[in-house]
Amino acid sequence: MFIISLTYKTELSEVDRHISDHISYLEKYYATGKFIASGRKVPRTGGIILVNASNKEEVDAIINEDPFKIANVANYDVVEFIPTMAAKEFESIKNYI
């Protein structure tokens, strides 16, 4: 499993110009089972995406399709982790390893 941390590098007005396309991108990868959860950072400086991917190369390929990446409005940090414990309601997250 991977965590993608996006950090905006432009004004929010520029980010918002691409938000509709970004949401379509998110929906595509939720439909394929690759994205597990996503949302905005608080304060709104970027976002987080939990990704079910087999390797970093796959994650990089997915990131390269993000309209935010294409428009150069965000930087991306990727962290791989193996979920070994979870709250009872989220036990199924351990199935993503």
PDB file of N, CA and C in Angstrom:
ATOM      1  N   MET A   1       0.846  -1.167   0.000  1.00  0.00           N
ATOM      2  CA  MET A   1       0.000   0.000   0.000  1.00  0.00           C
ATOM      3  C   MET A   1       0.895   1.234   0.000  1.00  0.00           C
ATOM      4  N   PHE A   2       0.381   2.292  -0.573  1.00  0.00           N
ATOM      5  CA  PHE A   2       1.144   3.525  -0.685  1.00  0.00           C
ATOM      6  C   PHE A   2       0.295   4.713  -0.250  1.00  0.00           C
ATOM      7  N   ILE A   3       0.978   5.706   0.283  1.00  0.00           N
ATOM      8  CA  ILE A   3       0.361   6.997   0.585  1.00  0.00           C
ATOM      9  C   ILE A   3       0.947   7.995  -0.398  1.00  0.00           C
ATOM     10  N   ILE A   4       0.073   8.653  -1.134  1.00  0.00           N
ATOM     11  CA  ILE A   4       0.500   9.771  -1.980  1.00  0.00           C
ATOM     12  C   ILE A   4       0.113  11.045  -1.244  1.00  0.00           C
ATOM     13  N   SER A   5       1.088  11.904  -1.012  1.00  0.00           N
ATOM     14  CA  SER A   5       0.842  13.195  -0.393  1.00  0.00           C
ATOM     15  C   SER A   5       1.084  14.281  -1.439  1.00  0.00           C
ATOM     16  N   LEU A   6       0.011  14.973  -1.800  1.00  0.00           N
ATOM     17  CA  LEU A   6       0.113  16.069  -2.763  1.00  0.00           C
ATOM     18  C   LEU A   6       0.265  17.381  -2.005  1.00  0.00           C
ATOM     19  N   THR A   7       1.124  18.247  -2.485  1.00  0.00           N
ATOM     20  CA  THR A   7       1.265  19.592  -1.937  1.00  0.00           C
ATOM     21  C   THR A   7       1.138  20.575  -3.090  1.00  0.00           C
ATOM     22  N   TYR A   8       0.165  21.464  -2.972  1.00  0.00           N
ATOM     23  CA  TYR A   8      -0.040  22.448  -4.038  1.00  0.00           C
ATOM     24  C   TYR A   8       1.145  23.385  -4.115  1.00  0.00           C
ATOM     25  N   LYS A   9       1.502  23.735  -5.348  1.00  0.00           N
ATOM     26  CA  LYS A   9       2.607  24.681  -5.542  1.00  0.00           C
ATOM     27  C   LYS A   9       2.155  25.923  -6.302  1.00  0.00           C
ATOM     28  N   THR A  10       0.843  26.072  -6.443  1.00  0.00           N
ATOM     29  CA  THR A  10       0.275  27.259  -7.073  1.00  0.00           C
ATOM     30  C   THR A  10      -0.854  27.780  -6.189  1.00  0.00           C
ATOM     31  N   GLU A  11      -1.405  28.902  -6.572  1.00  0.00           N
ATOM     32  CA  GLU A  11      -2.555  29.465  -5.863  1.00  0.00           C
ATOM     33  C   GLU A  11      -3.746  28.512  -5.986  1.00  0.00           C
ATOM     34  N   LEU A  12      -4.625  28.519  -4.984  1.00  0.00           N
ATOM     35  CA  LEU A  12      -5.798  27.650  -5.019  1.00  0.00           C
ATOM     36  C   LEU A  12      -6.689  27.931  -6.228  1.00  0.00           C
ATOM     37  N   SER A  13      -6.703  29.157  -6.687  1.00  0.00           N
ATOM     38  CA  SER A  13      -7.512  29.472  -7.872  1.00  0.00           C
ATOM     39  C   SER A  13      -7.040  28.670  -9.083  1.00  0.00           C
ATOM     40  N   GLU A  14      -5.738  28.441  -9.201  1.00  0.00           N
ATOM     41  CA  GLU A  14      -5.199  27.625 -10.294  1.00  0.00           C
ATOM     42  C   GLU A  14      -5.523  26.154 -10.064  1.00  0.00           C
ATOM     43  N   VAL A  15      -5.413  25.687  -8.830  1.00  0.00           N
ATOM     44  CA  VAL A  15      -5.778  24.304  -8.494  1.00  0.00           C
ATOM     45  C   VAL A  15      -7.244  24.070  -8.856  1.00  0.00           C
ATOM     46  N   ASP A  16      -8.104  24.994  -8.470  1.00  0.00           N
ATOM     47  CA  ASP A  16      -9.543  24.852  -8.702  1.00  0.00           C
ATOM     48  C   ASP A  16      -9.900  24.788 -10.185  1.00  0.00           C
ATOM     49  N   ARG A  17      -9.082  25.321 -11.033  1.00  0.00           N
ATOM     50  CA  ARG A  17      -9.329  25.242 -12.480  1.00  0.00           C
ATOM     51  C   ARG A  17      -9.252  23.785 -12.967  1.00  0.00           C
ATOM     52  N   HIS A  18      -8.574  22.932 -12.213  1.00  0.00           N
ATOM     53  CA  HIS A  18      -8.361  21.543 -12.617  1.00  0.00           C
ATOM     54  C   HIS A  18      -9.090  20.543 -11.723  1.00  0.00           C
ATOM     55  N   ILE A  19      -9.878  21.044 -10.764  1.00  0.00           N
ATOM     56  CA  ILE A  19     -10.476  20.158  -9.759  1.00  0.00           C
ATOM     57  C   ILE A  19     -11.477  19.177 -10.379  1.00  0.00           C
ATOM     58  N   SER A  20     -12.254  19.601 -11.339  1.00  0.00           N
ATOM     59  CA  SER A  20     -13.238  18.708 -11.965  1.00  0.00           C
ATOM     60  C   SER A  20     -12.545  17.528 -12.648  1.00  0.00           C
ATOM     61  N   ASP A  21     -11.476  17.813 -13.387  1.00  0.00           N
ATOM     62  CA  ASP A  21     -10.722  16.745 -14.044  1.00  0.00           C
ATOM     63  C   ASP A  21     -10.035  15.849 -13.016  1.00  0.00           C
ATOM     64  N   HIS A  22      -9.565  16.439 -11.923  1.00  0.00           N
ATOM     65  CA  HIS A  22      -8.929  15.654 -10.862  1.00  0.00           C
ATOM     66  C   HIS A  22      -9.945  14.707 -10.224  1.00  0.00           C
ATOM     67  N   ILE A  23     -11.152  15.175 -10.005  1.00  0.00           N
ATOM     68  CA  ILE A  23     -12.193  14.319  -9.421  1.00  0.00           C
ATOM     69  C   ILE A  23     -12.510  13.156 -10.365  1.00  0.00           C
ATOM     70  N   SER A  24     -12.570  13.407 -11.655  1.00  0.00           N
ATOM     71  CA  SER A  24     -12.793  12.330 -12.629  1.00  0.00           C
ATOM     72  C   SER A  24     -11.670  11.305 -12.566  1.00  0.00           C
ATOM     73  N   TYR A  25     -10.455  11.790 -12.430  1.00  0.00           N
ATOM     74  CA  TYR A  25      -9.275  10.916 -12.278  1.00  0.00           C
ATOM     75  C   TYR A  25      -9.413  10.049 -11.024  1.00  0.00           C
ATOM     76  N   LEU A  26      -9.797  10.663  -9.900  1.00  0.00           N
ATOM     77  CA  LEU A  26      -9.993   9.907  -8.662  1.00  0.00           C
ATOM     78  C   LEU A  26     -11.060   8.830  -8.858  1.00  0.00           C
ATOM     79  N   GLU A  27     -12.179   9.211  -9.463  1.00  0.00           N
ATOM     80  CA  GLU A  27     -13.275   8.262  -9.686  1.00  0.00           C
ATOM     81  C   GLU A  27     -12.821   7.080 -10.536  1.00  0.00           C
ATOM     82  N   LYS A  28     -12.000   7.340 -11.547  1.00  0.00           N
ATOM     83  CA  LYS A  28     -11.483   6.264 -12.396  1.00  0.00           C
ATOM     84  C   LYS A  28     -10.728   5.235 -11.561  1.00  0.00           C
ATOM     85  N   TYR A  29      -9.844   5.702 -10.686  1.00  0.00           N
ATOM     86  CA  TYR A  29      -9.027   4.772  -9.913  1.00  0.00           C
ATOM     87  C   TYR A  29      -9.762   4.166  -8.719  1.00  0.00           C
ATOM     88  N   TYR A  30     -10.828   4.806  -8.233  1.00  0.00           N
ATOM     89  CA  TYR A  30     -11.691   4.131  -7.258  1.00  0.00           C
ATOM     90  C   TYR A  30     -12.415   2.979  -7.949  1.00  0.00           C
ATOM     91  N   ALA A  31     -12.859   3.192  -9.173  1.00  0.00           N
ATOM     92  CA  ALA A  31     -13.585   2.161  -9.924  1.00  0.00           C
ATOM     93  C   ALA A  31     -12.705   0.943 -10.207  1.00  0.00           C
ATOM     94  N   THR A  32     -11.399   1.140 -10.355  1.00  0.00           N
ATOM     95  CA  THR A  32     -10.493   0.023 -10.619  1.00  0.00           C
ATOM     96  C   THR A  32     -10.030  -0.675  -9.334  1.00  0.00           C
ATOM     97  N   GLY A  33     -10.375  -0.096  -8.178  1.00  0.00           N
ATOM     98  CA  GLY A  33      -9.946  -0.667  -6.908  1.00  0.00           C
ATOM     99  C   GLY A  33      -8.560  -0.238  -6.466  1.00  0.00           C
ATOM    100  N   LYS A  34      -7.958   0.684  -7.185  1.00  0.00           N
ATOM    101  CA  LYS A  34      -6.608   1.148  -6.832  1.00  0.00           C
ATOM    102  C   LYS A  34      -6.624   2.151  -5.685  1.00  0.00           C
ATOM    103  N   PHE A  35      -7.610   3.049  -5.665  1.00  0.00           N
ATOM    104  CA  PHE A  35      -7.675   4.054  -4.605  1.00  0.00           C
ATOM    105  C   PHE A  35      -8.572   3.546  -3.486  1.00  0.00           C
ATOM    106  N   ILE A  36      -8.102   3.711  -2.253  1.00  0.00           N
ATOM    107  CA  ILE A  36      -8.801   3.224  -1.075  1.00  0.00           C
ATOM    108  C   ILE A  36      -9.482   4.366  -0.335  1.00  0.00           C
ATOM    109  N   ALA A  37      -8.798   5.499  -0.232  1.00  0.00           N
ATOM    110  CA  ALA A  37      -9.336   6.684   0.437  1.00  0.00           C
ATOM    111  C   ALA A  37      -8.564   7.891  -0.058  1.00  0.00           C
ATOM    112  N   SER A  38      -9.216   9.048  -0.008  1.00  0.00           N
ATOM    113  CA  SER A  38      -8.543  10.288  -0.414  1.00  0.00           C
ATOM    114  C   SER A  38      -9.240  11.466   0.245  1.00  0.00           C
ATOM    115  N   GLY A  39      -8.550  12.583   0.272  1.00  0.00           N
ATOM    116  CA  GLY A  39      -9.153  13.793   0.824  1.00  0.00           C
ATOM    117  C   GLY A  39      -8.164  14.930   0.909  1.00  0.00           C
ATOM    118  N   ARG A  40      -8.708  16.081   1.262  1.00  0.00           N
ATOM    119  CA  ARG A  40      -7.911  17.310   1.375  1.00  0.00           C
ATOM    120  C   ARG A  40      -7.134  17.345   2.674  1.00  0.00           C
ATOM    121  N   LYS A  41      -5.991  18.006   2.617  1.00  0.00           N
ATOM    122  CA  LYS A  41      -5.260  18.335   3.848  1.00  0.00           C
ATOM    123  C   LYS A  41      -5.943  19.541   4.490  1.00  0.00           C
ATOM    124  N   VAL A  42      -5.784  19.680   5.794  1.00  0.00           N
ATOM    125  CA  VAL A  42      -6.296  20.835   6.525  1.00  0.00           C
ATOM    126  C   VAL A  42      -5.129  21.469   7.249  1.00  0.00           C
ATOM    127  N   PRO A  43      -4.795  22.732   6.910  1.00  0.00           N
ATOM    128  CA  PRO A  43      -5.457  23.596   5.932  1.00  0.00           C
ATOM    129  C   PRO A  43      -5.274  23.071   4.510  1.00  0.00           C
ATOM    130  N   ARG A  44      -6.011  23.649   3.577  1.00  0.00           N
ATOM    131  CA  ARG A  44      -6.038  23.155   2.199  1.00  0.00           C
ATOM    132  C   ARG A  44      -4.747  23.505   1.458  1.00  0.00           C
ATOM    133  N   THR A  45      -3.739  22.663   1.691  1.00  0.00           N
ATOM    134  CA  THR A  45      -2.435  22.843   1.044  1.00  0.00           C
ATOM    135  C   THR A  45      -2.127  21.699   0.089  1.00  0.00           C
ATOM    136  N   GLY A  46      -3.070  20.765  -0.022  1.00  0.00           N
ATOM    137  CA  GLY A  46      -2.870  19.599  -0.865  1.00  0.00           C
ATOM    138  C   GLY A  46      -3.836  18.513  -0.477  1.00  0.00           C
ATOM    139  N   GLY A  47      -3.440  17.250  -0.700  1.00  0.00           N
ATOM    140  CA  GLY A  47      -4.319  16.134  -0.387  1.00  0.00           C
ATOM    141  C   GLY A  47      -3.542  14.865  -0.140  1.00  0.00           C
ATOM    142  N   ILE A  48      -4.283  13.835   0.248  1.00  0.00           N
ATOM    143  CA  ILE A  48      -3.720  12.513   0.537  1.00  0.00           C
ATOM    144  C   ILE A  48      -4.537  11.480  -0.232  1.00  0.00           C
ATOM    145  N   ILE A  49      -3.850  10.494  -0.807  1.00  0.00           N
ATOM    146  CA  ILE A  49      -4.521   9.371  -1.458  1.00  0.00           C
ATOM    147  C   ILE A  49      -3.873   8.080  -0.952  1.00  0.00           C
ATOM    148  N   LEU A  50      -4.687   7.139  -0.484  1.00  0.00           N
ATOM    149  CA  LEU A  50      -4.210   5.800  -0.149  1.00  0.00           C
ATOM    150  C   LEU A  50      -4.395   4.935  -1.385  1.00  0.00           C
ATOM    151  N   VAL A  51      -3.323   4.249  -1.791  1.00  0.00           N
ATOM    152  CA  VAL A  51      -3.320   3.524  -3.058  1.00  0.00           C
ATOM    153  C   VAL A  51      -2.968   2.045  -2.845  1.00  0.00           C
ATOM    154  N   ASN A  52      -3.745   1.194  -3.467  1.00  0.00           N
ATOM    155  CA  ASN A  52      -3.475  -0.233  -3.504  1.00  0.00           C
ATOM    156  C   ASN A  52      -2.711  -0.511  -4.798  1.00  0.00           C
ATOM    157  N   ALA A  53      -1.409  -0.575  -4.716  1.00  0.00           N
ATOM    158  CA  ALA A  53      -0.571  -0.806  -5.899  1.00  0.00           C
ATOM    159  C   ALA A  53       0.504  -1.821  -5.547  1.00  0.00           C
ATOM    160  N   SER A  54       0.990  -2.516  -6.560  1.00  0.00           N
ATOM    161  CA  SER A  54       1.974  -3.566  -6.314  1.00  0.00           C
ATOM    162  C   SER A  54       3.395  -3.037  -6.181  1.00  0.00           C
ATOM    163  N   ASN A  55       3.671  -1.853  -6.736  1.00  0.00           N
ATOM    164  CA  ASN A  55       5.019  -1.293  -6.634  1.00  0.00           C
ATOM    165  C   ASN A  55       4.995   0.203  -6.915  1.00  0.00           C
ATOM    166  N   LYS A  56       6.108   0.861  -6.641  1.00  0.00           N
ATOM    167  CA  LYS A  56       6.182   2.312  -6.806  1.00  0.00           C
ATOM    168  C   LYS A  56       6.071   2.715  -8.272  1.00  0.00           C
ATOM    169  N   GLU A  57       6.543   1.885  -9.169  1.00  0.00           N
ATOM    170  CA  GLU A  57       6.444   2.198 -10.598  1.00  0.00           C
ATOM    171  C   GLU A  57       4.988   2.318 -11.021  1.00  0.00           C
ATOM    172  N   GLU A  58       4.143   1.450 -10.470  1.00  0.00           N
ATOM    173  CA  GLU A  58       2.713   1.533 -10.763  1.00  0.00           C
ATOM    174  C   GLU A  58       2.126   2.827 -10.217  1.00  0.00           C
ATOM    175  N   VAL A  59       2.525   3.179  -8.994  1.00  0.00           N
ATOM    176  CA  VAL A  59       2.050   4.433  -8.392  1.00  0.00           C
ATOM    177  C   VAL A  59       2.496   5.623  -9.237  1.00  0.00           C
ATOM    178  N   ASP A  60       3.746   5.623  -9.665  1.00  0.00           N
ATOM    179  CA  ASP A  60       4.250   6.727 -10.494  1.00  0.00           C
ATOM    180  C   ASP A  60       3.453   6.850 -11.795  1.00  0.00           C
ATOM    181  N   ALA A  61       3.110   5.723 -12.397  1.00  0.00           N
ATOM    182  CA  ALA A  61       2.320   5.750 -13.635  1.00  0.00           C
ATOM    183  C   ALA A  61       0.931   6.332 -13.375  1.00  0.00           C
ATOM    184  N   ILE A  62       0.340   5.979 -12.240  1.00  0.00           N
ATOM    185  CA  ILE A  62      -0.971   6.522 -11.871  1.00  0.00           C
ATOM    186  C   ILE A  62      -0.870   8.030 -11.639  1.00  0.00           C
ATOM    187  N   ILE A  63       0.154   8.461 -10.918  1.00  0.00           N
ATOM    188  CA  ILE A  63       0.352   9.890 -10.654  1.00  0.00           C
ATOM    189  C   ILE A  63       0.501  10.660 -11.957  1.00  0.00           C
ATOM    190  N   ASN A  64       1.198  10.094 -12.920  1.00  0.00           N
ATOM    191  CA  ASN A  64       1.419  10.794 -14.186  1.00  0.00           C
ATOM    192  C   ASN A  64       0.136  11.071 -14.959  1.00  0.00           C
ATOM    193  N   GLU A  65      -0.954  10.402 -14.594  1.00  0.00           N
ATOM    194  CA  GLU A  65      -2.248  10.658 -15.220  1.00  0.00           C
ATOM    195  C   GLU A  65      -3.053  11.736 -14.500  1.00  0.00           C
ATOM    196  N   ASP A  66      -2.620  12.139 -13.316  1.00  0.00           N
ATOM    197  CA  ASP A  66      -3.369  13.122 -12.538  1.00  0.00           C
ATOM    198  C   ASP A  66      -3.352  14.472 -13.244  1.00  0.00           C
ATOM    199  N   PRO A  67      -4.523  15.062 -13.494  1.00  0.00           N
ATOM    200  CA  PRO A  67      -4.563  16.391 -14.099  1.00  0.00           C
ATOM    201  C   PRO A  67      -3.781  17.443 -13.309  1.00  0.00           C
ATOM    202  N   PHE A  68      -3.683  17.286 -11.990  1.00  0.00           N
ATOM    203  CA  PHE A  68      -2.859  18.205 -11.203  1.00  0.00           C
ATOM    204  C   PHE A  68      -1.388  18.077 -11.586  1.00  0.00           C
ATOM    205  N   LYS A  69      -0.938  16.854 -11.831  1.00  0.00           N
ATOM    206  CA  LYS A  69       0.451  16.616 -12.256  1.00  0.00           C
ATOM    207  C   LYS A  69       0.669  17.181 -13.656  1.00  0.00           C
ATOM    208  N   ILE A  70      -0.260  16.896 -14.547  1.00  0.00           N
ATOM    209  CA  ILE A  70      -0.159  17.363 -15.926  1.00  0.00           C
ATOM    210  C   ILE A  70      -0.125  18.889 -15.985  1.00  0.00           C
ATOM    211  N   ALA A  71      -0.941  19.541 -15.139  1.00  0.00           N
ATOM    212  CA  ALA A  71      -0.991  21.007 -15.106  1.00  0.00           C
ATOM    213  C   ALA A  71       0.115  21.613 -14.250  1.00  0.00           C
ATOM    214  N   ASN A  72       0.921  20.752 -13.591  1.00  0.00           N
ATOM    215  CA  ASN A  72       2.047  21.211 -12.768  1.00  0.00           C
ATOM    216  C   ASN A  72       1.606  22.112 -11.610  1.00  0.00           C
ATOM    217  N   VAL A  73       0.507  21.712 -10.945  1.00  0.00           N
ATOM    218  CA  VAL A  73       0.028  22.506  -9.812  1.00  0.00           C
ATOM    219  C   VAL A  73       0.319  21.848  -8.464  1.00  0.00           C
ATOM    220  N   ALA A  74       0.907  20.628  -8.485  1.00  0.00           N
ATOM    221  CA  ALA A  74       1.177  19.932  -7.217  1.00  0.00           C
ATOM    222  C   ALA A  74       2.481  19.156  -7.289  1.00  0.00           C
ATOM    223  N   ASN A  75       3.101  19.037  -6.125  1.00  0.00           N
ATOM    224  CA  ASN A  75       4.238  18.132  -5.938  1.00  0.00           C
ATOM    225  C   ASN A  75       3.719  16.870  -5.265  1.00  0.00           C
ATOM    226  N   TYR A  76       4.411  15.762  -5.463  1.00  0.00           N
ATOM    227  CA  TYR A  76       3.963  14.463  -4.966  1.00  0.00           C
ATOM    228  C   TYR A  76       5.064  13.789  -4.157  1.00  0.00           C
ATOM    229  N   ASP A  77       4.702  13.323  -2.961  1.00  0.00           N
ATOM    230  CA  ASP A  77       5.580  12.480  -2.149  1.00  0.00           C
ATOM    231  C   ASP A  77       4.878  11.139  -2.000  1.00  0.00           C
ATOM    232  N   VAL A  78       5.628  10.060  -2.167  1.00  0.00           N
ATOM    233  CA  VAL A  78       5.057   8.718  -2.090  1.00  0.00           C
ATOM    234  C   VAL A  78       5.759   7.939  -0.980  1.00  0.00           C
ATOM    235  N   VAL A  79       4.950   7.305  -0.111  1.00  0.00           N
ATOM    236  CA  VAL A  79       5.465   6.487   0.978  1.00  0.00           C
ATOM    237  C   VAL A  79       4.803   5.114   0.884  1.00  0.00           C
ATOM    238  N   GLU A  80       5.611   4.066   0.897  1.00  0.00           N
ATOM    239  CA  GLU A  80       5.066   2.715   0.927  1.00  0.00           C
ATOM    240  C   GLU A  80       4.974   2.253   2.377  1.00  0.00           C
ATOM    241  N   PHE A  81       3.882   1.552   2.704  1.00  0.00           N
ATOM    242  CA  PHE A  81       3.788   0.963   4.037  1.00  0.00           C
ATOM    243  C   PHE A  81       2.962  -0.314   3.979  1.00  0.00           C
ATOM    244  N   ILE A  82       3.154  -1.154   4.989  1.00  0.00           N
ATOM    245  CA  ILE A  82       2.421  -2.406   5.090  1.00  0.00           C
ATOM    246  C   ILE A  82       1.528  -2.309   6.320  1.00  0.00           C
ATOM    247  N   PRO A  83       0.213  -2.250   6.130  1.00  0.00           N
ATOM    248  CA  PRO A  83      -0.680  -2.162   7.288  1.00  0.00           C
ATOM    249  C   PRO A  83      -0.714  -3.490   8.040  1.00  0.00           C
ATOM    250  N   THR A  84      -0.299  -3.457   9.296  1.00  0.00           N
ATOM    251  CA  THR A  84      -0.272  -4.668  10.113  1.00  0.00           C
ATOM    252  C   THR A  84      -1.291  -4.636  11.242  1.00  0.00           C
ATOM    253  N   MET A  85      -1.771  -3.447  11.587  1.00  0.00           N
ATOM    254  CA  MET A  85      -2.815  -3.296  12.606  1.00  0.00           C
ATOM    255  C   MET A  85      -3.821  -2.281  12.104  1.00  0.00           C
ATOM    256  N   ALA A  86      -5.078  -2.472  12.537  1.00  0.00           N
ATOM    257  CA  ALA A  86      -6.137  -1.533  12.159  1.00  0.00           C
ATOM    258  C   ALA A  86      -7.264  -1.633  13.172  1.00  0.00           C
ATOM    259  N   ALA A  87      -8.012  -0.551  13.302  1.00  0.00           N
ATOM    260  CA  ALA A  87      -9.205  -0.588  14.133  1.00  0.00           C
ATOM    261  C   ALA A  87     -10.168  -1.626  13.564  1.00  0.00           C
ATOM    262  N   LYS A  88     -11.007  -2.180  14.418  1.00  0.00           N
ATOM    263  CA  LYS A  88     -11.910  -3.259  14.020  1.00  0.00           C
ATOM    264  C   LYS A  88     -12.680  -2.911  12.742  1.00  0.00           C
ATOM    265  N   GLU A  89     -13.150  -1.683  12.636  1.00  0.00           N
ATOM    266  CA  GLU A  89     -13.945  -1.259  11.485  1.00  0.00           C
ATOM    267  C   GLU A  89     -13.140  -1.215  10.194  1.00  0.00           C
ATOM    268  N   PHE A  90     -11.823  -1.224  10.307  1.00  0.00           N
ATOM    269  CA  PHE A  90     -10.943  -1.099   9.144  1.00  0.00           C
ATOM    270  C   PHE A  90     -10.025  -2.310   8.954  1.00  0.00           C
ATOM    271  N   GLU A  91     -10.375  -3.428   9.573  1.00  0.00           N
ATOM    272  CA  GLU A  91      -9.542  -4.637   9.476  1.00  0.00           C
ATOM    273  C   GLU A  91      -9.246  -5.031   8.041  1.00  0.00           C
ATOM    274  N   SER A  92     -10.174  -4.780   7.140  1.00  0.00           N
ATOM    275  CA  SER A  92      -9.987  -5.210   5.738  1.00  0.00           C
ATOM    276  C   SER A  92      -8.826  -4.490   5.067  1.00  0.00           C
ATOM    277  N   ILE A  93      -8.359  -3.390   5.640  1.00  0.00           N
ATOM    278  CA  ILE A  93      -7.231  -2.676   5.033  1.00  0.00           C
ATOM    279  C   ILE A  93      -5.984  -3.550   5.010  1.00  0.00           C
ATOM    280  N   LYS A  94      -5.907  -4.505   5.915  1.00  0.00           N
ATOM    281  CA  LYS A  94      -4.746  -5.394   5.942  1.00  0.00           C
ATOM    282  C   LYS A  94      -4.738  -6.351   4.764  1.00  0.00           C
ATOM    283  N   ASN A  95      -5.836  -6.445   4.037  1.00  0.00           N
ATOM    284  CA  ASN A  95      -5.914  -7.292   2.851  1.00  0.00           C
ATOM    285  C   ASN A  95      -5.221  -6.676   1.639  1.00  0.00           C
ATOM    286  N   TYR A  96      -4.798  -5.419   1.756  1.00  0.00           N
ATOM    287  CA  TYR A  96      -4.187  -4.718   0.631  1.00  0.00           C
ATOM    288  C   TYR A  96      -2.678  -4.913   0.546  1.00  0.00           C
ATOM    289  N   ILE A  97      -2.119  -5.805   1.341  1.00  0.00           N
ATOM    290  CA  ILE A  97      -0.671  -6.017   1.272  1.00  0.00           C
ATOM    291  C   ILE A  97      -0.331  -7.087   0.263  1.00  0.00           C
TER     292      ILE A  97
END
